N, C-alpha and C. Protein backbone atom coordinates (compact mmCIF):
# COMPACT_ATOMS: atom_id res chain seq x y z
N MET A 1 3.54 -28.07 12.46
CA MET A 1 2.46 -26.83 12.14
C MET A 1 2.81 -25.32 12.48
N TYR A 2 3.03 -25.03 14.25
CA TYR A 2 2.89 -24.02 14.40
C TYR A 2 3.79 -23.24 14.88
N GLU A 3 4.87 -23.35 14.34
CA GLU A 3 6.04 -22.82 14.22
C GLU A 3 6.05 -21.36 12.64
N PRO A 4 5.74 -22.59 11.90
CA PRO A 4 5.72 -21.87 11.01
C PRO A 4 4.49 -20.06 10.96
N ALA A 5 3.48 -21.07 11.32
CA ALA A 5 2.05 -19.72 11.47
C ALA A 5 2.69 -18.70 12.34
N ALA A 6 3.16 -19.49 13.71
CA ALA A 6 3.98 -18.03 14.65
C ALA A 6 4.20 -16.82 14.05
N ALA A 7 5.66 -17.40 13.30
CA ALA A 7 6.43 -16.85 12.63
C ALA A 7 6.24 -15.78 11.41
N TYR A 8 4.57 -16.40 11.26
CA TYR A 8 3.90 -15.69 9.91
C TYR A 8 3.75 -14.51 10.60
N PHE A 9 2.85 -14.93 11.81
CA PHE A 9 1.69 -13.50 12.95
C PHE A 9 3.02 -12.61 12.91
N ASP A 10 3.83 -13.23 13.13
CA ASP A 10 4.80 -12.30 13.97
C ASP A 10 5.37 -10.90 12.77
N GLN A 11 6.35 -12.19 11.87
CA GLN A 11 6.37 -11.13 10.31
C GLN A 11 5.18 -9.98 9.50
N LEU A 12 4.00 -10.65 9.96
CA LEU A 12 3.32 -10.27 9.71
C LEU A 12 2.59 -8.07 10.09
N HIS A 13 2.43 -8.83 12.39
CA HIS A 13 2.83 -7.91 12.25
C HIS A 13 3.66 -6.51 12.15
N ALA A 14 5.25 -6.66 12.50
CA ALA A 14 6.14 -6.15 12.14
C ALA A 14 6.30 -5.12 11.00
N SER A 15 5.44 -6.11 9.83
CA SER A 15 4.82 -5.45 8.58
C SER A 15 3.83 -4.42 8.43
N LEU A 16 3.82 -4.10 9.62
CA LEU A 16 2.67 -3.13 9.77
C LEU A 16 2.81 -1.96 9.67
N GLY A 17 2.51 -0.76 9.01
CA GLY A 17 2.65 0.63 9.10
C GLY A 17 4.12 0.71 7.99
N VAL A 18 4.68 -0.30 7.65
CA VAL A 18 5.62 -0.53 6.50
C VAL A 18 5.48 -0.10 5.29
N GLY A 19 5.77 0.07 4.28
CA GLY A 19 5.48 0.10 2.30
C GLY A 19 3.92 0.13 2.63
N VAL A 20 3.44 -0.15 1.64
CA VAL A 20 2.49 -0.28 -0.07
C VAL A 20 1.61 -1.01 1.20
N PRO A 21 0.09 -0.78 2.32
CA PRO A 21 -0.27 -1.29 2.77
C PRO A 21 -0.57 -3.01 2.13
N GLU A 22 -1.02 -2.47 0.66
CA GLU A 22 -1.61 -3.91 -0.07
C GLU A 22 -0.46 -4.61 -0.47
N THR A 23 0.47 -4.90 -0.09
CA THR A 23 1.57 -5.36 -0.79
C THR A 23 3.15 -5.78 0.95
N SER A 24 2.29 -5.04 2.21
CA SER A 24 3.75 -5.12 3.00
C SER A 24 3.25 -6.91 3.38
N GLY A 25 1.93 -7.47 3.09
CA GLY A 25 2.47 -7.95 3.91
C GLY A 25 3.09 -9.79 3.28
N TYR A 26 2.46 -9.30 2.35
CA TYR A 26 3.67 -10.37 1.08
C TYR A 26 4.97 -11.45 1.27
N PRO A 27 5.75 -10.40 1.92
CA PRO A 27 7.30 -11.35 2.15
C PRO A 27 6.78 -12.74 3.03
N ALA A 28 5.80 -11.91 3.97
CA ALA A 28 5.34 -12.79 5.07
C ALA A 28 4.73 -14.08 5.01
N LEU A 29 3.41 -13.91 3.93
CA LEU A 29 3.44 -14.69 3.30
C LEU A 29 3.36 -15.70 2.77
N ALA A 30 4.99 -15.48 1.64
CA ALA A 30 5.52 -16.19 0.62
C ALA A 30 6.45 -17.26 2.17
N ASN A 31 6.84 -16.49 3.27
CA ASN A 31 7.53 -17.61 3.60
C ASN A 31 6.77 -18.40 4.49
N LEU A 32 5.45 -18.21 4.99
CA LEU A 32 4.71 -19.21 5.11
C LEU A 32 4.35 -20.15 4.43
N LEU A 33 4.26 -19.87 2.98
CA LEU A 33 3.87 -20.67 2.05
C LEU A 33 5.58 -21.96 1.74
N ASN A 34 6.35 -20.84 1.68
CA ASN A 34 7.77 -21.70 1.49
C ASN A 34 7.84 -23.12 2.86
N ALA A 35 7.78 -22.37 4.11
CA ALA A 35 7.92 -23.35 5.20
C ALA A 35 6.68 -24.62 5.35
N VAL A 36 5.80 -24.34 4.78
CA VAL A 36 4.85 -25.57 4.36
C VAL A 36 5.09 -25.89 3.09
N GLY A 37 5.71 -25.67 2.21
CA GLY A 37 5.94 -26.25 0.74
C GLY A 37 6.98 -27.66 1.19
N ASP A 38 8.14 -27.11 1.75
CA ASP A 38 9.17 -28.10 2.46
C ASP A 38 9.30 -28.90 2.76
N SER A 39 7.81 -28.80 3.74
CA SER A 39 6.82 -30.02 3.94
C SER A 39 6.93 -30.50 3.39
N LEU A 40 6.37 -30.70 1.80
CA LEU A 40 5.12 -31.38 1.03
C LEU A 40 6.05 -32.63 0.23
N LYS A 41 6.11 -33.36 -0.40
CA LYS A 41 6.55 -33.76 -1.28
C LYS A 41 5.79 -34.31 -3.02
N PRO A 42 5.57 -33.53 -4.02
CA PRO A 42 7.13 -32.83 -3.86
C PRO A 42 6.94 -31.07 -3.33
N LYS A 43 8.34 -30.73 -3.52
CA LYS A 43 8.31 -29.51 -2.43
C LYS A 43 8.00 -28.35 -3.71
N ILE A 44 6.86 -27.15 -2.92
CA ILE A 44 6.57 -26.29 -3.71
C ILE A 44 7.56 -25.00 -3.00
N SER A 45 7.20 -24.07 -4.07
CA SER A 45 7.82 -22.28 -3.77
C SER A 45 6.99 -21.92 -4.26
N ALA A 46 6.29 -20.64 -3.18
CA ALA A 46 6.38 -19.51 -3.51
C ALA A 46 7.07 -17.93 -3.78
N ILE A 47 6.62 -17.78 -5.34
CA ILE A 47 7.60 -16.51 -5.86
C ILE A 47 5.94 -15.31 -5.94
N ILE A 48 6.62 -14.68 -5.33
CA ILE A 48 5.64 -13.11 -5.04
C ILE A 48 6.07 -12.77 -6.18
N HIS A 49 5.15 -11.93 -7.22
CA HIS A 49 5.32 -11.39 -8.08
C HIS A 49 6.11 -12.08 -9.81
N PRO A 50 5.40 -12.96 -9.98
CA PRO A 50 6.30 -13.65 -11.54
C PRO A 50 5.84 -13.42 -12.35
N ALA A 51 6.85 -13.61 -12.90
CA ALA A 51 6.23 -13.14 -14.92
C ALA A 51 5.33 -12.96 -14.87
N ASN A 52 4.88 -12.02 -15.52
CA ASN A 52 3.77 -11.53 -16.57
C ASN A 52 3.66 -12.79 -17.63
N SER A 53 2.10 -13.49 -17.50
CA SER A 53 2.16 -14.44 -18.62
C SER A 53 1.04 -14.51 -19.38
N GLY A 54 0.73 -12.97 -19.62
CA GLY A 54 -0.19 -12.31 -20.53
C GLY A 54 -1.44 -11.97 -19.73
N ALA A 55 -1.78 -12.12 -18.58
CA ALA A 55 -2.68 -11.28 -18.19
C ALA A 55 -2.26 -10.38 -16.72
N GLY A 56 -0.81 -9.75 -17.31
CA GLY A 56 -0.43 -8.60 -16.29
C GLY A 56 0.12 -9.35 -15.44
N ILE A 57 0.86 -8.40 -13.98
CA ILE A 57 1.94 -9.03 -13.21
C ILE A 57 0.79 -9.84 -11.86
N PRO A 58 0.67 -11.29 -11.80
CA PRO A 58 0.52 -12.07 -10.87
C PRO A 58 0.60 -11.38 -9.38
N ASP A 59 -0.43 -11.52 -8.00
CA ASP A 59 0.49 -11.39 -6.87
C ASP A 59 1.52 -12.35 -7.07
N GLY A 60 1.37 -13.49 -6.60
CA GLY A 60 1.88 -14.74 -6.39
C GLY A 60 1.35 -16.00 -7.05
N GLY A 61 2.46 -17.20 -7.20
CA GLY A 61 1.73 -17.92 -7.10
C GLY A 61 2.93 -18.83 -6.42
N ILE A 62 2.45 -20.24 -6.79
CA ILE A 62 2.79 -21.64 -5.73
C ILE A 62 3.69 -22.31 -7.50
N PHE A 63 4.78 -22.54 -6.62
CA PHE A 63 5.29 -23.48 -8.13
C PHE A 63 5.63 -24.75 -7.68
N GLN A 64 6.12 -25.94 -8.33
CA GLN A 64 6.67 -27.19 -7.98
C GLN A 64 8.54 -26.85 -8.21
N SER A 65 8.83 -27.25 -6.55
CA SER A 65 10.72 -27.15 -6.42
C SER A 65 11.27 -28.04 -7.82
N MET A 66 11.89 -27.23 -8.12
CA MET A 66 12.71 -28.38 -9.24
C MET A 66 14.31 -28.31 -8.22
N PRO A 67 15.07 -29.12 -8.74
CA PRO A 67 16.23 -29.50 -8.26
C PRO A 67 17.03 -28.86 -8.69
N TYR A 68 18.06 -28.48 -9.02
CA TYR A 68 19.44 -27.25 -9.64
C TYR A 68 19.91 -28.75 -9.93
N ARG A 69 20.26 -28.43 -11.55
CA ARG A 69 21.29 -29.40 -11.94
C ARG A 69 21.93 -28.71 -13.11
N PHE A 70 23.19 -28.56 -12.87
CA PHE A 70 24.35 -28.43 -13.61
C PHE A 70 25.12 -28.56 -14.13
């Protein structure tokens, strides 16, 4: 678990002063959640700014990963 957390803090530090302060850490958070979600069963994925479901645009969501079917 140390590696995803260390990567999160490295990415968060790199995002300081870049972009909009309120959302500049979102990619780092999504990467952390996805790294942890990959180890879960069922796997989960973090989506930043998923589609509006009637209450405005949410900041993010965590969803069960679905296998690709063709």
